[in-house]
Amino acid sequence: MTAAPVRLLLADDHPVVRAGLRAVLETEPGLVVAAEAATAEDAVARAAVGDVDVVLMDLQFGKGMGGAEATALITAGQGAPRVLIVTTYDSDADILPAIEAGATGYVLKDAPPEDLAAAVRTAAAGRTTLSPTVADRLMNRLRTPGTALTRRETEVLALVAEGLSNQAVGDRLHLTEGTVKSHLARVYAKLDVDSRTAAVATATDLGLIRR
């Protein structure tokens, strides 16, 4: 008896990207693109219908919900589809929230077509698949936990990198200005720097925040 095809939902706000993914995946035996979504909200709603096995999820959708938040909502239900992150972003600030949200895998958009198809099949089977860059970054965090930034520290530093003041960072993250300063002090110590500019530059070079 022939196995049922793996049904896919493509969630990306760029039509060209969705078309490219569809072109690659529909040439693969046993893979069927069942639906597309241009927003994270649409992806959550479409995944809830219950007829897709794997959601290929981008992380950035412009305004509105992001891919990590959508992943958490999709994977929270019983019998939920697997979520495979397919994105251009490989910083800790992107990888960690997506993995914590329940993503089964994380691959980059420049992966060869055969690697993408293999990642989809691996995700459909419930196994983890990570692009080499992402796997290396996670391994480095495990090897050097003392220098790894927490998710909150990463969020604070990413907003500092956008030029926000401590007060503005606190407002955005619902923290007191003192708490923001405490987070930054720990970041400085971990990165062995003594200024906001140096912290941003070092964290960017290390791939802890997005360039």
Protein backbone atom coordinates (compact mmCIF):
# COMPACT_ATOMS: atom_id res chain seq x y z
CA MET A 1 0.00 0.00 0.00
CA THR A 2 1.38 3.44 -0.94
CA ALA A 3 2.06 5.76 2.00
CA ALA A 4 -0.10 8.87 2.21
CA PRO A 5 1.66 11.99 0.92
CA VAL A 6 3.08 14.53 3.35
CA ARG A 7 0.83 17.61 3.12
CA LEU A 8 2.56 20.98 3.48
CA LEU A 9 1.57 24.53 4.39
CA LEU A 10 3.92 27.25 3.11
CA ALA A 11 3.91 30.31 5.41
CA ASP A 12 5.91 33.26 4.06
CA ASP A 13 4.97 36.84 3.28
CA HIS A 14 6.87 36.89 -0.02
CA PRO A 15 4.95 35.36 -2.96
CA VAL A 16 8.22 34.71 -4.83
CA VAL A 17 9.58 32.69 -1.91
CA ARG A 18 6.37 30.65 -1.65
CA ALA A 19 6.46 30.01 -5.40
CA GLY A 20 10.09 28.90 -5.15
CA LEU A 21 9.37 26.54 -2.26
CA ARG A 22 6.37 25.11 -4.08
CA ALA A 23 8.44 24.56 -7.25
CA VAL A 24 11.13 22.71 -5.31
CA LEU A 25 8.86 20.61 -3.10
CA GLU A 26 6.23 19.59 -5.62
CA THR A 27 8.88 17.84 -7.72
CA GLU A 28 9.58 15.56 -4.73
CA PRO A 29 7.70 12.26 -4.54
CA GLY A 30 5.37 12.02 -1.56
CA LEU A 31 5.24 15.77 -0.86
CA VAL A 32 2.14 17.85 -1.63
CA VAL A 33 1.72 21.60 -1.05
CA ALA A 34 -1.79 21.76 0.39
CA ALA A 35 -1.96 25.48 1.18
CA GLU A 36 -0.10 28.78 1.46
CA ALA A 37 -0.30 31.61 3.99
CA ALA A 38 1.02 35.15 3.58
CA THR A 39 0.75 36.10 7.28
CA ALA A 40 1.54 34.30 10.52
CA GLU A 41 -2.08 34.74 11.60
CA ASP A 42 -3.28 33.02 8.42
CA ALA A 43 -0.78 30.21 9.01
CA VAL A 44 -2.16 29.58 12.50
CA ALA A 45 -5.74 29.54 11.21
CA ARG A 46 -4.93 27.29 8.25
CA ALA A 47 -2.89 24.85 10.35
CA ALA A 48 -5.85 24.50 12.71
CA VAL A 49 -7.96 22.99 9.90
CA GLY A 50 -6.09 19.78 10.59
CA ASP A 51 -5.22 18.57 7.12
CA VAL A 52 -1.51 19.49 6.93
CA ASP A 53 1.44 17.53 8.31
CA VAL A 54 4.26 20.08 8.17
CA VAL A 55 4.23 23.88 8.20
CA LEU A 56 7.21 25.58 6.55
CA MET A 57 7.36 28.79 8.59
CA ASP A 58 9.28 32.00 7.96
CA LEU A 59 10.23 34.07 11.03
CA GLN A 60 9.58 37.62 9.85
CA PHE A 61 6.20 38.67 8.45
CA GLY A 62 6.45 42.45 8.49
CA LYS A 63 3.70 43.79 10.76
CA GLY A 64 1.71 41.58 13.06
CA MET A 65 2.56 38.21 14.54
CA GLY A 66 6.02 36.70 14.01
CA GLY A 67 6.91 33.17 13.05
CA ALA A 68 8.03 32.09 16.52
CA GLU A 69 4.74 33.20 18.09
CA ALA A 70 2.79 31.44 15.34
CA THR A 71 4.87 28.29 15.88
CA ALA A 72 3.96 28.26 19.58
CA LEU A 73 0.25 28.58 18.77
CA ILE A 74 0.35 25.90 16.07
CA THR A 75 2.29 23.34 18.11
CA ALA A 76 0.22 23.81 21.28
CA GLY A 77 -2.69 21.67 20.09
CA GLN A 78 -3.21 17.92 20.19
CA GLY A 79 -2.14 16.24 16.96
CA ALA A 80 -0.66 19.51 15.72
CA PRO A 81 1.40 19.59 12.52
CA ARG A 82 5.17 19.82 12.77
CA VAL A 83 6.71 23.24 12.16
CA LEU A 84 9.91 23.57 10.15
CA ILE A 85 11.44 27.04 10.25
CA VAL A 86 12.70 28.12 6.82
CA THR A 87 14.35 31.52 7.08
CA THR A 88 17.37 33.65 6.23
CA TYR A 89 18.09 34.46 9.88
CA ASP A 90 20.64 32.49 11.89
CA SER A 91 21.29 34.60 15.01
CA ASP A 92 20.66 33.37 18.55
CA ALA A 93 17.92 36.00 18.77
CA ASP A 94 16.04 34.17 16.01
CA ILE A 95 16.95 30.53 16.62
CA LEU A 96 16.29 30.25 20.34
CA PRO A 97 12.72 31.64 20.43
CA ALA A 98 11.76 29.42 17.47
CA ILE A 99 13.15 26.26 19.06
CA GLU A 100 11.58 27.15 22.41
CA ALA A 101 8.26 27.72 20.64
CA GLY A 102 8.22 24.11 19.52
CA ALA A 103 9.74 24.10 16.03
CA THR A 104 10.81 20.59 14.98
CA GLY A 105 13.53 21.89 12.67
CA TYR A 106 15.33 24.99 11.47
CA VAL A 107 16.85 25.36 8.01
CA LEU A 108 18.10 28.34 6.06
CA LYS A 109 16.62 29.45 2.75
CA ASP A 110 19.92 28.96 0.94
CA ALA A 111 19.87 25.21 1.69
CA PRO A 112 20.12 22.98 -1.42
CA PRO A 113 16.72 21.69 -2.63
CA GLU A 114 17.56 18.11 -1.67
CA ASP A 115 18.42 19.22 1.89
CA LEU A 116 15.14 21.12 2.18
CA ALA A 117 13.15 18.09 1.01
CA ALA A 118 15.04 15.85 3.43
CA ALA A 119 14.34 18.31 6.27
CA VAL A 120 10.62 18.25 5.46
CA ARG A 121 10.53 14.45 5.54
CA THR A 122 12.51 14.38 8.79
CA ALA A 123 10.12 16.89 10.36
CA ALA A 124 7.11 14.89 9.16
CA ALA A 125 8.55 11.86 10.96
CA GLY A 126 8.79 13.90 14.17
CA ARG A 127 12.57 14.09 14.22
CA THR A 128 14.68 17.22 14.59
CA THR A 129 16.59 18.66 11.66
CA LEU A 130 18.90 21.66 11.88
CA SER A 131 20.98 23.36 9.21
CA PRO A 132 24.73 23.04 9.95
CA THR A 133 25.06 26.74 10.87
CA VAL A 134 22.20 26.51 13.36
CA ALA A 135 23.46 23.25 14.84
CA ASP A 136 26.93 24.77 15.32
CA ARG A 137 25.44 27.80 17.07
CA LEU A 138 23.39 25.67 19.47
CA MET A 139 26.39 23.42 20.20
CA ASN A 140 28.55 26.46 20.98
CA ARG A 141 25.93 27.66 23.45
CA LEU A 142 26.01 24.28 25.20
CA ARG A 143 29.81 24.20 25.29
CA THR A 144 30.16 27.74 26.67
CA PRO A 145 27.03 28.35 28.78
CA GLY A 146 28.77 31.01 30.86
CA THR A 147 29.06 33.35 27.89
CA ALA A 148 25.66 32.57 26.37
CA LEU A 149 23.10 35.35 26.65
CA THR A 150 19.69 34.50 28.03
CA ARG A 151 16.67 35.10 25.84
CA ARG A 152 15.80 38.26 27.80
CA GLU A 153 19.38 39.57 27.59
CA THR A 154 19.29 38.98 23.85
CA GLU A 155 15.98 40.85 23.56
CA VAL A 156 17.35 43.80 25.54
CA LEU A 157 20.54 44.00 23.50
CA ALA A 158 18.68 43.70 20.20
CA LEU A 159 16.58 46.75 21.14
CA VAL A 160 19.69 48.64 22.25
CA ALA A 161 21.12 47.86 18.82
CA GLU A 162 18.07 49.56 17.30
CA GLY A 163 19.05 52.73 19.15
CA LEU A 164 16.51 52.58 21.98
CA SER A 165 17.30 54.10 25.37
CA ASN A 166 17.11 52.02 28.55
CA GLN A 167 13.76 53.62 29.32
CA ALA A 168 12.43 52.83 25.85
CA VAL A 169 13.70 49.25 26.06
CA GLY A 170 11.95 48.90 29.41
CA ASP A 171 8.71 50.26 27.97
CA ARG A 172 8.88 47.84 25.02
CA LEU A 173 9.58 44.78 27.19
CA HIS A 174 7.48 45.87 30.21
CA LEU A 175 10.55 46.09 32.47
CA THR A 176 11.77 48.81 34.82
CA GLU A 177 14.73 50.89 33.69
CA GLY A 178 16.71 49.39 36.58
CA THR A 179 16.00 45.87 35.36
CA VAL A 180 17.18 46.82 31.88
CA LYS A 181 20.42 48.19 33.37
CA SER A 182 20.91 44.94 35.30
CA HIS A 183 20.46 42.89 32.13
CA LEU A 184 22.95 45.10 30.30
CA ALA A 185 25.47 44.79 33.14
CA ARG A 186 25.33 41.00 32.83
CA VAL A 187 25.69 41.29 29.06
CA TYR A 188 28.78 43.48 29.46
CA ALA A 189 30.31 40.95 31.85
CA LYS A 190 29.60 37.98 29.59
CA LEU A 191 30.93 39.72 26.48
CA ASP A 192 33.84 41.36 28.32
CA VAL A 193 32.93 44.87 27.15
CA ASP A 194 32.23 48.14 28.92
CA SER A 195 29.84 50.06 26.67
CA ARG A 196 26.60 49.71 24.76
CA THR A 197 28.38 50.23 21.43
CA ALA A 198 30.96 47.55 22.16
CA ALA A 199 28.29 45.14 23.39
CA VAL A 200 26.26 45.57 20.20
CA ALA A 201 29.35 45.21 17.98
CA THR A 202 30.61 42.11 19.79
CA ALA A 203 27.20 40.44 19.92
CA THR A 204 26.70 41.11 16.22
CA ASP A 205 30.10 39.63 15.35
CA LEU A 206 29.30 36.54 17.43
CA GLY A 207 25.91 36.12 15.76
CA LEU A 208 24.03 36.66 19.02
CA ILE A 209 21.89 39.41 17.51
CA ARG A 210 20.88 39.97 13.92
CA ARG A 211 23.14 42.04 11.68
